[in-house]
Amino acid sequence: ELLPSYLRFVRGIMDVEDLPLNVSREILQENRILAYVREQSVKKILSELQRLLQNDREKYIKFYELFGKVLKEGLYGFGVNKEEILKLCLFKSNLRDGLITLSEYKMKEDQKEIYYIAGNSAAMLKSSPLIEKFNAEGTEVLLCDDEIDTIVMPGVFEFDKTPVKNATSIKQEAASDDAATPQAKEIAAKIKEILGDRVKDVKISSRLSGSLSCLVFDENDPDFATQQLLKQMGNRNLPPIKPILEINADHEIIKKLQADKLMLPQVSEIIYDLARLS
């Protein structure tokens, strides 16, 4: 009862003078002194971890490799120490080797948000078509490759008053339909017709710079990594969640399809399958 579950790696003895001894466990759980001891203990442990991070980075990284996933559990929900836990979290980056803190995240001059992408492999996330535009512009994206990241990161709304956003969200990186040519829009509409109910929509992408296509999910739907995690947790009866297919209007294949639509049915399948693979 003295520590939250995300600090379950801590072992020790607490000397508390004022606790009543001859009481039941239930009464002890409701004791105000115990609640105060819990609050102060959590603050002390988190501050000691922060001191270790600042004074002995190498030793802290070893600690974090062992217990970082457990510590991140404290980010779930509406915990009172969320900001302190966030300061202790380490992340991989698309622009740098090694691990960085959120305080070390590099904001560009006109940037107003911290970006992240979640999945199972940092290497795949780094080369994902979903952050091609960020890579090309030199915008830093946090690569969240722990399984728990798909659960806790959507609940991290800001850090030090700076919004934290999923780099792949539709709201954040809206498709550039307004800038697309009528021919490109026509191709998108025909691909949607061919693919039918396999996709929620087909859009002209503003996030792709070299790749042909990618799949994203509506901001109100769980992304692919979250869906996989939910299935692993036993939620086998999830309703089918349709992705949104984004196509690169500047890609040579899309331009050729605008001139010759005969191959559109076959090529649409390839465009969709390539997006699923990536």
Protein backbone atom coordinates (compact mmCIF):
# COMPACT_ATOMS: atom_id res chain seq x y z
CA GLU A 1 0.00 0.00 0.00
CA LEU A 2 2.97 2.34 0.37
CA LEU A 3 3.94 2.58 -3.30
CA PRO A 4 2.06 2.63 -6.63
CA SER A 5 2.51 -0.39 -8.92
CA TYR A 6 4.83 1.48 -11.30
CA LEU A 7 7.42 1.64 -8.49
CA ARG A 8 7.17 -2.07 -7.66
CA PHE A 9 10.90 -2.52 -8.31
CA VAL A 10 11.67 -0.57 -5.11
CA ARG A 11 12.55 -2.57 -1.99
CA GLY A 12 13.10 -1.13 1.49
CA ILE A 13 11.93 -0.51 5.04
CA MET A 14 10.07 2.58 6.25
CA ASP A 15 10.21 3.74 9.85
CA VAL A 16 6.95 5.51 10.70
CA GLU A 17 6.32 6.47 14.32
CA ASP A 18 2.68 7.56 14.27
CA LEU A 19 0.87 4.60 12.69
CA PRO A 20 -1.63 2.75 14.90
CA LEU A 21 -0.46 -0.84 15.31
CA ASN A 22 -3.45 -2.80 16.59
CA VAL A 23 -5.79 -2.19 13.65
CA SER A 24 -7.06 -4.16 10.69
CA ARG A 25 -5.54 -3.92 7.25
CA GLU A 26 -8.65 -2.13 5.98
CA ILE A 27 -8.35 0.64 8.58
CA LEU A 28 -4.64 0.92 7.87
CA GLN A 29 -5.36 1.43 4.17
CA GLU A 30 -7.55 4.43 4.99
CA ASN A 31 -5.12 5.97 7.44
CA ARG A 32 -4.20 9.58 6.60
CA ILE A 33 -0.65 9.18 7.88
CA LEU A 34 -0.15 6.23 5.55
CA ALA A 35 -1.44 8.30 2.63
CA TYR A 36 1.03 11.07 3.51
CA VAL A 37 3.91 8.57 3.78
CA ARG A 38 2.96 7.17 0.36
CA GLU A 39 2.87 10.65 -1.23
CA GLN A 40 6.22 11.70 0.22
CA SER A 41 7.87 8.35 -0.57
CA VAL A 42 6.89 8.57 -4.24
CA LYS A 43 8.22 12.14 -4.48
CA LYS A 44 11.49 11.12 -2.82
CA ILE A 45 12.04 8.10 -5.07
CA LEU A 46 11.31 10.06 -8.26
CA SER A 47 13.62 12.89 -7.16
CA GLU A 48 16.41 10.38 -6.42
CA LEU A 49 15.97 8.88 -9.90
CA GLN A 50 16.13 12.39 -11.38
CA ARG A 51 19.35 13.01 -9.46
CA LEU A 52 20.81 9.75 -10.80
CA LEU A 53 19.83 10.75 -14.36
CA GLN A 54 21.60 14.10 -13.99
CA ASN A 55 24.71 12.88 -12.16
CA ASP A 56 25.37 9.42 -13.64
CA ARG A 57 23.74 9.06 -17.05
CA GLU A 58 25.39 5.72 -17.83
CA LYS A 59 24.19 4.15 -14.58
CA TYR A 60 20.69 5.56 -15.09
CA ILE A 61 20.50 4.08 -18.59
CA LYS A 62 21.30 0.65 -17.13
CA PHE A 63 18.51 1.15 -14.59
CA TYR A 64 16.13 2.34 -17.32
CA GLU A 65 16.81 -0.66 -19.55
CA LEU A 66 15.68 -2.87 -16.66
CA PHE A 67 12.74 -0.89 -15.27
CA GLY A 68 11.85 1.79 -17.84
CA LYS A 69 8.78 -0.09 -19.07
CA VAL A 70 7.52 -0.47 -15.50
CA LEU A 71 8.11 3.23 -14.77
CA LYS A 72 6.11 4.20 -17.88
CA GLU A 73 3.03 2.55 -16.39
CA GLY A 74 2.76 5.66 -14.23
CA LEU A 75 1.93 7.67 -17.37
CA TYR A 76 -1.33 5.80 -17.85
CA GLY A 77 -4.45 7.57 -16.66
CA PHE A 78 -4.44 10.75 -14.61
CA GLY A 79 -1.67 10.19 -12.06
CA VAL A 80 -0.45 13.12 -9.96
CA ASN A 81 3.24 12.60 -10.80
CA LYS A 82 2.94 12.37 -14.58
CA GLU A 83 5.26 15.31 -15.31
CA GLU A 84 7.97 13.94 -12.98
CA ILE A 85 7.74 10.50 -14.62
CA LEU A 86 7.95 12.06 -18.09
CA LYS A 87 11.21 13.78 -17.10
CA LEU A 88 12.63 10.33 -16.28
CA CYS A 89 11.61 8.66 -19.56
CA LEU A 90 14.22 8.05 -22.26
CA PHE A 91 13.43 7.93 -25.97
CA LYS A 92 15.09 6.98 -29.23
CA SER A 93 15.15 9.58 -32.00
CA ASN A 94 15.01 9.63 -35.80
CA LEU A 95 17.83 12.19 -35.89
CA ARG A 96 20.24 10.99 -33.19
CA ASP A 97 21.78 7.83 -31.84
CA GLY A 98 21.37 6.90 -28.20
CA LEU A 99 18.61 7.86 -25.80
CA ILE A 100 17.30 11.33 -25.05
CA THR A 101 14.92 12.87 -22.52
CA LEU A 102 11.97 15.06 -23.44
CA SER A 103 13.93 18.03 -22.09
CA GLU A 104 16.62 17.28 -24.71
CA TYR A 105 14.14 17.13 -27.61
CA LYS A 106 15.18 19.63 -30.29
CA MET A 107 12.43 22.01 -31.39
CA LYS A 108 12.80 23.79 -34.73
CA GLU A 109 12.32 27.54 -34.78
CA ASP A 110 8.71 27.42 -36.03
CA GLN A 111 7.79 24.16 -34.27
CA LYS A 112 5.08 24.19 -31.62
CA GLU A 113 4.69 20.48 -30.80
CA ILE A 114 6.76 17.44 -29.81
CA TYR A 115 6.25 14.53 -32.21
CA TYR A 116 6.42 10.78 -31.64
CA ILE A 117 5.64 7.56 -33.50
CA ALA A 118 4.87 4.26 -31.75
CA GLY A 119 5.50 0.70 -32.94
CA ASN A 120 7.47 -2.47 -32.25
CA SER A 121 10.81 -1.70 -33.92
CA ALA A 122 12.84 1.52 -33.76
CA ALA A 123 14.59 0.66 -37.05
CA MET A 124 11.27 0.24 -38.87
CA LEU A 125 9.82 3.37 -37.29
CA LYS A 126 12.87 5.40 -38.33
CA SER A 127 12.46 4.40 -41.98
CA SER A 128 8.65 4.45 -41.97
CA PRO A 129 6.92 6.32 -44.82
CA LEU A 130 4.74 7.88 -42.14
CA ILE A 131 7.58 10.19 -41.02
CA GLU A 132 9.28 10.73 -44.40
CA LYS A 133 8.37 14.40 -44.38
CA PHE A 134 9.75 14.85 -40.85
CA ASN A 135 13.01 13.14 -41.84
CA ALA A 136 13.34 15.28 -44.97
CA GLU A 137 12.74 18.48 -43.01
CA GLY A 138 15.06 17.50 -40.16
CA THR A 139 12.23 17.49 -37.63
CA GLU A 140 12.88 15.31 -34.59
CA VAL A 141 10.46 12.43 -33.94
CA LEU A 142 10.62 10.24 -30.84
CA LEU A 143 10.69 6.52 -31.74
CA CYS A 144 8.57 4.77 -29.11
CA ASP A 145 9.22 1.07 -29.61
CA ASP A 146 8.16 -0.41 -26.25
CA GLU A 147 4.84 -2.28 -26.38
CA ILE A 148 3.49 -0.17 -23.53
CA ASP A 149 4.12 3.04 -25.54
CA THR A 150 1.06 2.35 -27.72
CA ILE A 151 -1.06 2.49 -24.55
CA VAL A 152 0.54 5.29 -22.54
CA MET A 153 1.73 7.78 -25.19
CA PRO A 154 -1.78 8.72 -26.46
CA GLY A 155 -2.45 9.88 -22.89
CA VAL A 156 0.61 12.14 -22.84
CA PHE A 157 -0.89 15.41 -24.00
CA GLU A 158 1.92 17.82 -23.14
CA PHE A 159 5.33 18.20 -21.56
CA ASP A 160 6.48 21.44 -19.96
CA LYS A 161 3.44 23.15 -21.54
CA THR A 162 4.43 21.91 -25.02
CA PRO A 163 1.82 19.69 -26.78
CA VAL A 164 2.92 16.09 -27.52
CA LYS A 165 1.45 14.73 -30.77
CA ASN A 166 1.45 11.46 -32.68
CA ALA A 167 3.31 12.22 -35.91
CA THR A 168 1.01 9.88 -37.83
CA SER A 169 -2.32 11.29 -36.70
CA ILE A 170 -4.72 12.51 -39.37
CA LYS A 171 -5.42 15.73 -37.46
CA GLN A 172 -1.73 16.54 -37.12
CA GLU A 173 -0.64 15.62 -40.63
CA ALA A 174 -3.77 16.19 -42.70
CA ALA A 175 -3.73 15.04 -46.31
CA SER A 176 -3.32 17.83 -48.83
CA ASP A 177 -6.50 17.30 -50.87
CA ASP A 178 -6.89 21.03 -51.41
CA ALA A 179 -3.50 21.26 -53.12
CA ALA A 180 -4.02 18.16 -55.26
CA THR A 181 -4.80 18.36 -58.95
CA PRO A 182 -8.24 17.24 -60.21
CA GLN A 183 -6.51 14.32 -61.99
CA ALA A 184 -4.90 13.13 -58.75
CA LYS A 185 -8.21 13.44 -56.90
CA GLU A 186 -9.88 11.38 -59.62
CA ILE A 187 -7.26 8.62 -59.22
CA ALA A 188 -7.79 8.63 -55.44
CA ALA A 189 -11.55 8.31 -55.89
CA LYS A 190 -11.16 5.42 -58.37
CA ILE A 191 -8.72 3.58 -56.08
CA LYS A 192 -11.21 3.93 -53.23
CA GLU A 193 -13.92 2.48 -55.47
CA ILE A 194 -11.70 -0.47 -56.44
CA LEU A 195 -10.59 -1.26 -52.88
CA GLY A 196 -14.14 -1.01 -51.57
CA ASP A 197 -14.70 -1.64 -47.86
CA ARG A 198 -11.05 -2.53 -47.20
CA VAL A 199 -10.30 1.15 -46.61
CA LYS A 200 -12.12 3.97 -44.86
CA ASP A 201 -10.94 6.50 -47.42
CA VAL A 202 -8.22 7.24 -49.99
CA LYS A 203 -6.48 10.61 -49.72
CA ILE A 204 -3.70 12.56 -51.38
CA SER A 205 -0.84 12.57 -48.88
CA SER A 206 1.22 15.48 -47.63
CA ARG A 207 3.44 13.26 -45.42
CA LEU A 208 5.10 11.23 -48.22
CA SER A 209 8.18 12.48 -50.04
CA GLY A 210 9.46 9.33 -51.80
CA SER A 211 7.20 6.38 -51.01
CA LEU A 212 4.21 5.52 -53.15
CA SER A 213 1.65 5.01 -50.39
CA CYS A 214 1.02 4.45 -46.69
CA LEU A 215 -1.78 3.43 -44.36
CA VAL A 216 -2.88 5.65 -41.48
CA PHE A 217 -5.81 5.54 -39.09
CA ASP A 218 -8.40 8.11 -38.20
CA GLU A 219 -7.46 10.05 -35.07
CA ASN A 220 -10.41 8.46 -33.23
CA ASP A 221 -9.35 4.88 -34.15
CA PRO A 222 -6.52 2.86 -32.58
CA ASP A 223 -3.48 2.60 -34.86
CA PHE A 224 -2.05 -0.70 -36.10
CA ALA A 225 0.37 -1.19 -33.18
CA THR A 226 -2.41 -0.56 -30.64
CA GLN A 227 -4.72 -3.01 -32.43
CA GLN A 228 -2.03 -5.71 -32.32
CA LEU A 229 -1.46 -5.09 -28.61
CA LEU A 230 -5.18 -5.30 -27.84
CA LYS A 231 -5.36 -8.65 -29.65
CA GLN A 232 -2.38 -9.94 -27.66
CA MET A 233 -4.21 -8.90 -24.48
CA GLY A 234 -7.13 -11.15 -25.44
CA ASN A 235 -9.45 -8.69 -27.20
CA ARG A 236 -10.10 -10.98 -30.15
CA ASN A 237 -13.54 -9.59 -30.92
CA LEU A 238 -12.45 -6.11 -31.92
CA PRO A 239 -14.65 -4.67 -34.66
CA PRO A 240 -12.76 -4.34 -37.97
CA ILE A 241 -11.05 -0.94 -38.09
CA LYS A 242 -10.56 0.32 -41.62
CA PRO A 243 -7.36 2.23 -42.41
CA ILE A 244 -7.06 5.30 -44.61
CA LEU A 245 -4.85 4.86 -47.68
CA GLU A 246 -2.71 7.87 -48.55
CA ILE A 247 -1.06 8.10 -51.97
CA ASN A 248 1.82 10.26 -53.15
CA ALA A 249 0.50 12.37 -56.03
CA ASP A 250 4.08 13.24 -57.06
CA HIS A 251 5.11 9.60 -57.42
CA GLU A 252 5.88 8.43 -60.96
CA ILE A 253 3.35 5.57 -60.78
CA ILE A 254 0.48 7.88 -59.80
CA LYS A 255 1.40 10.28 -62.59
CA LYS A 256 1.43 7.43 -65.13
CA LEU A 257 -1.97 6.24 -63.92
CA GLN A 258 -3.37 9.72 -64.60
CA ALA A 259 -2.32 9.33 -68.23
CA ASP A 260 -3.29 5.66 -68.59
CA LYS A 261 -6.07 4.29 -66.36
CA LEU A 262 -6.26 0.82 -67.94
CA MET A 263 -3.92 -0.70 -65.33
CA LEU A 264 -5.68 1.03 -62.43
CA PRO A 265 -7.47 -2.09 -61.02
CA GLN A 266 -4.25 -4.15 -60.81
CA VAL A 267 -2.02 -1.27 -59.69
CA SER A 268 -4.51 -0.23 -56.99
CA GLU A 269 -4.06 -3.65 -55.38
CA ILE A 270 -0.26 -3.24 -55.48
CA ILE A 271 -0.48 0.28 -54.01
CA TYR A 272 -2.62 -1.04 -51.15
CA ASP A 273 -0.42 -4.11 -50.51
CA LEU A 274 2.78 -2.03 -50.48
CA ALA A 275 1.19 0.29 -47.91
CA ARG A 276 0.22 -2.70 -45.75
CA LEU A 277 3.78 -4.07 -45.89
CA SER A 278 5.37 -0.75 -44.88
